Amino acid sequence: MLPASTHNLPSSNEPRILYCRCAFAQTIPDDVKQRVLEGLSESDQPFEAVADLCEMAARRDPHLIELAKGNRPLKIAACWPRAVKGLFHLGDAPLPESGVEIINMRTLSAEEVLAAIAAPMPHIHPTQSAEAKQ
């Protein structure tokens, strides 16, 4: 697995952004993944890219715990919110009940994903995706 990469340094008051490349399961359309990654890279928003959350969960990567227990809100651009929540649980890093937004790159366009990432954090349950608000 490629190491996680962090772009820019986040401030303490903005949400942490986690981008999953879904390198192994390949459930997210390639064009969406690529356009979202390009959009994040071109923005001023700090973000962290990981190769594959599924693989991290299978290895029980300690970085999942750091992400789940962070002191800032967390936005995760990945796949199905239920699956992402399950992956963190499998990795011994259950997500908190609040302060987490999971953005489903499998069902949203790249533009919708980037808009959801740029939007202020909503007050929704962590298993609800950005598409549920539309």
Protein backbone atom coordinates (compact mmCIF):
# COMPACT_ATOMS: atom_id res chain seq x y z
CA MET A 1 0.00 0.00 0.00
CA LEU A 2 1.20 3.48 -0.77
CA PRO A 3 1.71 5.66 2.29
CA ALA A 4 -0.96 8.20 3.05
CA SER A 5 -0.12 11.60 1.68
CA THR A 6 -1.07 14.88 3.30
CA HIS A 7 -1.37 18.07 1.28
CA ASN A 8 -0.98 21.42 3.05
CA LEU A 9 -1.27 21.65 6.80
CA PRO A 10 -4.77 21.85 8.29
CA SER A 11 -5.82 24.52 10.74
CA SER A 12 -7.41 23.40 13.97
CA ASN A 13 -10.89 24.76 13.15
CA GLU A 14 -11.53 23.20 9.74
CA PRO A 15 -12.57 19.62 9.11
CA ARG A 16 -10.00 17.04 8.29
CA ILE A 17 -10.52 15.71 4.76
CA LEU A 18 -9.78 12.07 3.97
CA TYR A 19 -9.79 10.90 0.35
CA CYS A 20 -9.84 7.16 -0.42
CA ARG A 21 -8.42 6.12 -3.81
CA CYS A 22 -10.19 2.74 -3.57
CA ALA A 23 -7.15 1.18 -5.20
CA PHE A 24 -8.02 -2.46 -4.60
CA ALA A 25 -11.80 -2.86 -4.62
CA GLN A 26 -12.20 -0.38 -7.49
CA THR A 27 -15.85 0.30 -6.69
CA ILE A 28 -15.62 4.02 -7.46
CA PRO A 29 -15.60 5.12 -11.11
CA ASP A 30 -12.06 6.00 -12.19
CA ASP A 31 -13.05 9.33 -13.73
CA VAL A 32 -14.75 10.44 -10.50
CA LYS A 33 -11.76 9.42 -8.36
CA GLN A 34 -9.34 11.21 -10.68
CA ARG A 35 -11.38 14.42 -10.98
CA VAL A 36 -11.93 14.59 -7.20
CA LEU A 37 -8.23 14.07 -6.54
CA GLU A 38 -7.34 16.75 -9.09
CA GLY A 39 -9.88 19.14 -7.59
CA LEU A 40 -8.55 18.59 -4.09
CA SER A 41 -4.95 19.02 -5.26
CA GLU A 42 -5.81 22.30 -7.00
CA SER A 43 -7.70 23.67 -4.00
CA ASP A 44 -6.30 25.34 -0.93
CA GLN A 45 -7.96 22.70 1.25
CA PRO A 46 -5.59 20.43 3.14
CA PHE A 47 -6.44 16.76 2.66
CA GLU A 48 -5.07 13.31 3.23
CA ALA A 49 -5.15 10.65 0.51
CA VAL A 50 -5.04 6.95 1.34
CA ALA A 51 -4.75 4.13 -1.17
CA ASP A 52 -7.59 2.00 0.19
CA LEU A 53 -9.66 2.16 3.39
CA CYS A 54 -10.67 -1.51 2.94
CA GLU A 55 -7.04 -2.58 3.03
CA MET A 56 -6.30 -0.32 5.99
CA ALA A 57 -9.21 -1.83 7.93
CA ALA A 58 -8.13 -5.38 7.07
CA ARG A 59 -4.66 -4.62 8.47
CA ARG A 60 -6.17 -2.75 11.44
CA ASP A 61 -3.96 0.19 10.53
CA PRO A 62 -3.42 2.35 13.65
CA HIS A 63 -3.89 5.46 11.52
CA LEU A 64 -7.64 4.68 11.42
CA ILE A 65 -7.74 5.17 15.20
CA GLU A 66 -5.99 8.52 14.85
CA LEU A 67 -8.54 9.60 12.25
CA ALA A 68 -11.55 8.42 14.28
CA LYS A 69 -10.37 10.00 17.53
CA GLY A 70 -9.23 13.29 16.05
CA ASN A 71 -10.19 16.51 17.77
CA ARG A 72 -11.59 18.03 14.54
CA PRO A 73 -14.56 17.19 12.34
CA LEU A 74 -13.84 14.65 9.61
CA LYS A 75 -15.06 14.51 6.01
CA ILE A 76 -14.43 11.22 4.24
CA ALA A 77 -14.66 10.98 0.45
CA ALA A 78 -15.02 7.26 -0.19
CA CYS A 79 -17.93 4.93 -0.99
CA TRP A 80 -21.12 3.86 0.82
CA PRO A 81 -21.37 5.50 4.26
CA ARG A 82 -22.49 2.23 5.85
CA ALA A 83 -19.43 0.47 4.41
CA VAL A 84 -17.03 3.20 5.54
CA LYS A 85 -18.47 3.13 9.06
CA GLY A 86 -18.11 -0.67 9.04
CA LEU A 87 -14.50 -0.45 7.86
CA PHE A 88 -13.55 1.85 10.71
CA HIS A 89 -15.31 -0.49 13.14
CA LEU A 90 -13.46 -3.49 11.64
CA GLY A 91 -10.21 -1.56 12.05
CA ASP A 92 -10.92 -1.14 15.80
CA ALA A 93 -11.55 2.57 15.20
CA PRO A 94 -15.30 3.21 15.38
CA LEU A 95 -16.28 6.64 14.10
CA PRO A 96 -17.83 9.08 16.58
CA GLU A 97 -21.59 9.69 16.54
CA SER A 98 -21.13 13.30 15.40
CA GLY A 99 -18.61 15.38 13.52
CA VAL A 100 -18.21 12.97 10.60
CA GLU A 101 -19.57 13.33 7.08
CA ILE A 102 -19.11 10.50 4.59
CA ILE A 103 -19.32 11.59 0.96
CA ASN A 104 -20.23 8.80 -1.45
CA MET A 105 -18.02 9.00 -4.55
CA ARG A 106 -19.70 5.91 -5.90
CA THR A 107 -23.03 7.65 -6.50
CA LEU A 108 -22.16 11.36 -6.74
CA SER A 109 -20.44 13.18 -9.59
CA ALA A 110 -16.97 14.60 -9.02
CA GLU A 111 -18.46 18.10 -8.96
CA GLU A 112 -20.99 17.07 -6.28
CA VAL A 113 -18.25 15.43 -4.20
CA LEU A 114 -16.03 18.51 -4.39
CA ALA A 115 -18.96 20.77 -3.50
CA ALA A 116 -19.77 18.61 -0.47
CA ILE A 117 -16.14 18.70 0.64
CA ALA A 118 -16.03 22.50 0.32
CA ALA A 119 -19.36 23.03 2.09
CA PRO A 120 -19.53 23.74 5.82
CA MET A 121 -19.97 20.67 7.99
CA PRO A 122 -23.63 19.74 8.26
CA HIS A 123 -25.15 18.51 11.47
CA ILE A 124 -26.04 15.01 10.26
CA HIS A 125 -25.53 11.51 11.53
CA PRO A 126 -22.17 10.05 10.36
CA THR A 127 -23.80 7.24 8.39
CA GLN A 128 -25.71 9.71 6.26
CA SER A 129 -23.99 10.60 3.00
CA ALA A 130 -23.86 13.88 1.14
CA GLU A 131 -26.38 12.50 -1.35
CA ALA A 132 -28.98 12.08 1.41
CA LYS A 133 -29.14 15.86 1.83
CA GLN A 134 -30.12 16.42 -1.80
